[in-house]
């Protein structure tokens, strides 16, 4: 094998310059990736926004751009609700008295037969269901009171 020729000083200088450049590039890459990994933190989650509860309104805008708006005017939902609640409470009182009267009347002679007992039982059941319905209606009406 022939002996290798020694590189000239110019070639040695060029090679040293090239190696320095390659090392600088790889060092820059490593530091850039380190900085990127260090700077990358877990993204913060935004706080959940609370959604406002929707209120039922009597106003319905059926046409766009305020061309034609039909508004129910002169109706006060609060007074109507209060009036209806008062009527419902009077009905509940009247029906509860009727229930008591039915329970008392079953004890007397002509009504203590099986036919009348079943009749009063059915009527009392209907009355109690109606009273429950009125109470539910009252709770719905109370939502409209401001």
Protein backbone atom coordinates (compact mmCIF):
# COMPACT_ATOMS: atom_id res chain seq x y z
CA UNK A 1 0.00 0.00 0.00
CA UNK A 2 1.40 3.36 -0.92
CA UNK A 3 2.05 5.86 1.85
CA UNK A 4 -0.52 8.63 2.33
CA UNK A 5 0.46 12.06 1.31
CA UNK A 6 0.38 14.69 4.05
CA UNK A 7 -2.28 17.35 3.54
CA UNK A 8 -1.08 20.84 2.87
CA UNK A 9 -1.55 23.55 5.55
CA UNK A 10 -4.30 25.15 3.42
CA UNK A 11 -6.21 21.85 3.31
CA UNK A 12 -5.80 21.42 7.08
CA UNK A 13 -7.12 24.91 7.69
CA UNK A 14 -10.12 24.34 5.36
CA UNK A 15 -10.94 21.05 7.11
CA UNK A 16 -10.71 22.65 10.58
CA UNK A 17 -13.01 25.47 9.44
CA UNK A 18 -15.53 22.92 8.06
CA UNK A 19 -15.50 20.81 11.26
CA UNK A 20 -15.98 23.94 13.40
CA UNK A 21 -18.94 24.97 11.24
CA UNK A 22 -20.61 21.52 11.48
CA UNK A 23 -20.10 21.40 15.27
CA UNK A 24 -21.55 24.89 15.64
CA UNK A 25 -24.64 23.89 13.65
CA UNK A 26 -25.25 20.74 15.69
CA UNK A 27 -24.70 22.69 18.93
CA UNK A 28 -27.21 25.35 17.79
CA UNK A 29 -29.75 22.63 16.96
CA UNK A 30 -29.35 21.00 20.36
CA UNK A 31 -29.73 24.26 22.25
CA UNK A 32 -32.77 25.25 20.14
CA UNK A 33 -34.52 21.96 20.88
CA UNK A 34 -33.62 22.29 24.57
CA UNK A 35 -35.07 25.79 24.69
CA UNK A 36 -38.18 24.63 22.84
CA UNK A 37 -38.72 21.73 25.21
CA UNK A 38 -38.06 23.89 28.25
CA UNK A 39 -40.35 26.69 27.08
CA UNK A 40 -43.15 24.35 26.09
CA UNK A 41 -45.39 24.15 29.13
CA UNK A 42 -48.75 22.45 29.33
CA UNK A 43 -51.34 24.74 27.76
CA UNK A 44 -53.61 26.25 30.39
CA UNK A 45 -57.25 25.40 30.07
CA UNK A 46 -59.61 28.34 29.95
CA UNK A 47 -62.11 28.55 32.79
CA UNK A 48 -65.59 27.42 31.86
CA UNK A 49 -68.01 30.24 31.29
CA UNK A 50 -71.26 30.17 33.20
CA UNK A 51 -74.30 30.13 30.97
CA UNK A 52 -77.02 32.54 31.98
CA UNK A 53 -80.39 30.98 32.72
CA UNK A 54 -83.03 31.83 30.20
CA UNK A 55 -86.17 33.61 31.32
CA UNK A 56 -89.45 33.12 29.56
CA UNK A 57 -90.76 36.32 28.09
CA UNK A 58 -94.02 37.31 26.51
CA UNK A 59 -92.21 39.16 23.71
CA UNK A 60 -91.55 37.25 20.50
CA UNK A 61 -89.74 38.95 17.66
CA UNK A 62 -90.97 37.01 14.64
CA UNK A 63 -89.68 39.41 11.98
CA UNK A 64 -86.07 40.48 11.64
CA UNK A 65 -84.60 44.00 11.74
CA UNK A 66 -87.42 45.40 13.87
CA UNK A 67 -89.64 45.74 10.81
CA UNK A 68 -92.70 44.51 12.59
CA UNK A 69 -92.81 43.68 16.27
CA UNK A 70 -96.00 42.49 17.90
CA UNK A 71 -95.86 42.97 21.64
CA UNK A 72 -98.62 41.99 24.01
CA UNK A 73 -99.23 45.25 25.79
CA UNK A 74 -101.26 45.99 28.88
CA UNK A 75 -100.87 42.51 30.40
CA UNK A 76 -99.22 42.31 33.77
CA UNK A 77 -98.09 38.72 34.28
CA UNK A 78 -97.44 39.28 37.98
CA UNK A 79 -101.01 40.40 38.76
CA UNK A 80 -102.50 37.65 36.61
CA UNK A 81 -100.36 35.04 38.36
CA UNK A 82 -101.27 36.33 41.81
CA UNK A 83 -104.96 36.35 40.93
CA UNK A 84 -104.81 32.79 39.57
CA UNK A 85 -102.88 31.57 42.63
CA UNK A 86 -105.57 33.08 44.86
CA UNK A 87 -108.32 31.32 42.85
CA UNK A 88 -106.41 28.02 43.02
CA UNK A 89 -105.97 28.33 46.80
CA UNK A 90 -109.69 28.94 47.25
CA UNK A 91 -110.44 25.87 45.13
CA UNK A 92 -107.98 23.78 47.15
CA UNK A 93 -109.68 24.85 50.41
CA UNK A 94 -113.15 24.08 49.02
CA UNK A 95 -112.05 20.67 47.73
CA UNK A 96 -110.33 19.73 51.00
CA UNK A 97 -113.59 20.51 52.85
CA UNK A 98 -115.46 18.35 50.34
CA UNK A 99 -113.02 15.49 51.00
CA UNK A 100 -113.67 15.71 54.73
CA UNK A 101 -117.42 15.80 54.11
CA UNK A 102 -117.21 12.67 51.92
CA UNK A 103 -115.22 10.79 54.55
CA UNK A 104 -117.80 11.71 57.19
CA UNK A 105 -120.81 10.84 55.03
CA UNK A 106 -119.51 7.30 54.38
CA UNK A 107 -120.07 6.54 58.07
CA UNK A 108 -123.86 7.12 57.92
CA UNK A 109 -126.43 4.44 57.11
CA UNK A 110 -127.36 4.75 53.44
CA UNK A 111 -123.80 5.45 52.37
CA UNK A 112 -121.94 2.75 54.25
CA UNK A 113 -122.84 0.09 51.65
CA UNK A 114 -120.13 -1.23 49.32
CA UNK A 115 -121.58 0.61 46.32
CA UNK A 116 -121.37 4.03 47.96
CA UNK A 117 -118.01 3.25 49.57
CA UNK A 118 -116.52 2.54 46.14
CA UNK A 119 -118.21 5.63 44.73
CA UNK A 120 -116.80 7.90 47.43
CA UNK A 121 -113.39 6.27 47.16
CA UNK A 122 -113.30 7.02 43.44
CA UNK A 123 -114.54 10.60 43.94
CA UNK A 124 -111.99 11.23 46.69
CA UNK A 125 -109.22 9.94 44.44
CA UNK A 126 -110.30 12.32 41.64
CA UNK A 127 -110.46 15.23 44.06
CA UNK A 128 -106.97 14.54 45.48
CA UNK A 129 -105.53 14.32 41.95
CA UNK A 130 -107.16 17.64 41.08
CA UNK A 131 -105.76 19.24 44.25
CA UNK A 132 -102.28 17.99 43.34
CA UNK A 133 -102.65 19.46 39.85
CA UNK A 134 -103.68 22.83 41.32
CA UNK A 135 -100.66 22.85 43.63
CA UNK A 136 -98.32 22.13 40.70
CA UNK A 137 -99.98 24.93 38.76
CA UNK A 138 -99.39 27.28 41.71
CA UNK A 139 -95.67 26.49 41.75
CA UNK A 140 -95.48 27.22 38.00
CA UNK A 141 -97.36 30.49 38.45
CA UNK A 142 -95.01 31.59 41.25
CA UNK A 143 -92.17 31.63 38.70
CA UNK A 144 -93.88 34.52 36.88
CA UNK A 145 -94.06 36.71 39.96
CA UNK A 146 -91.36 39.37 39.92
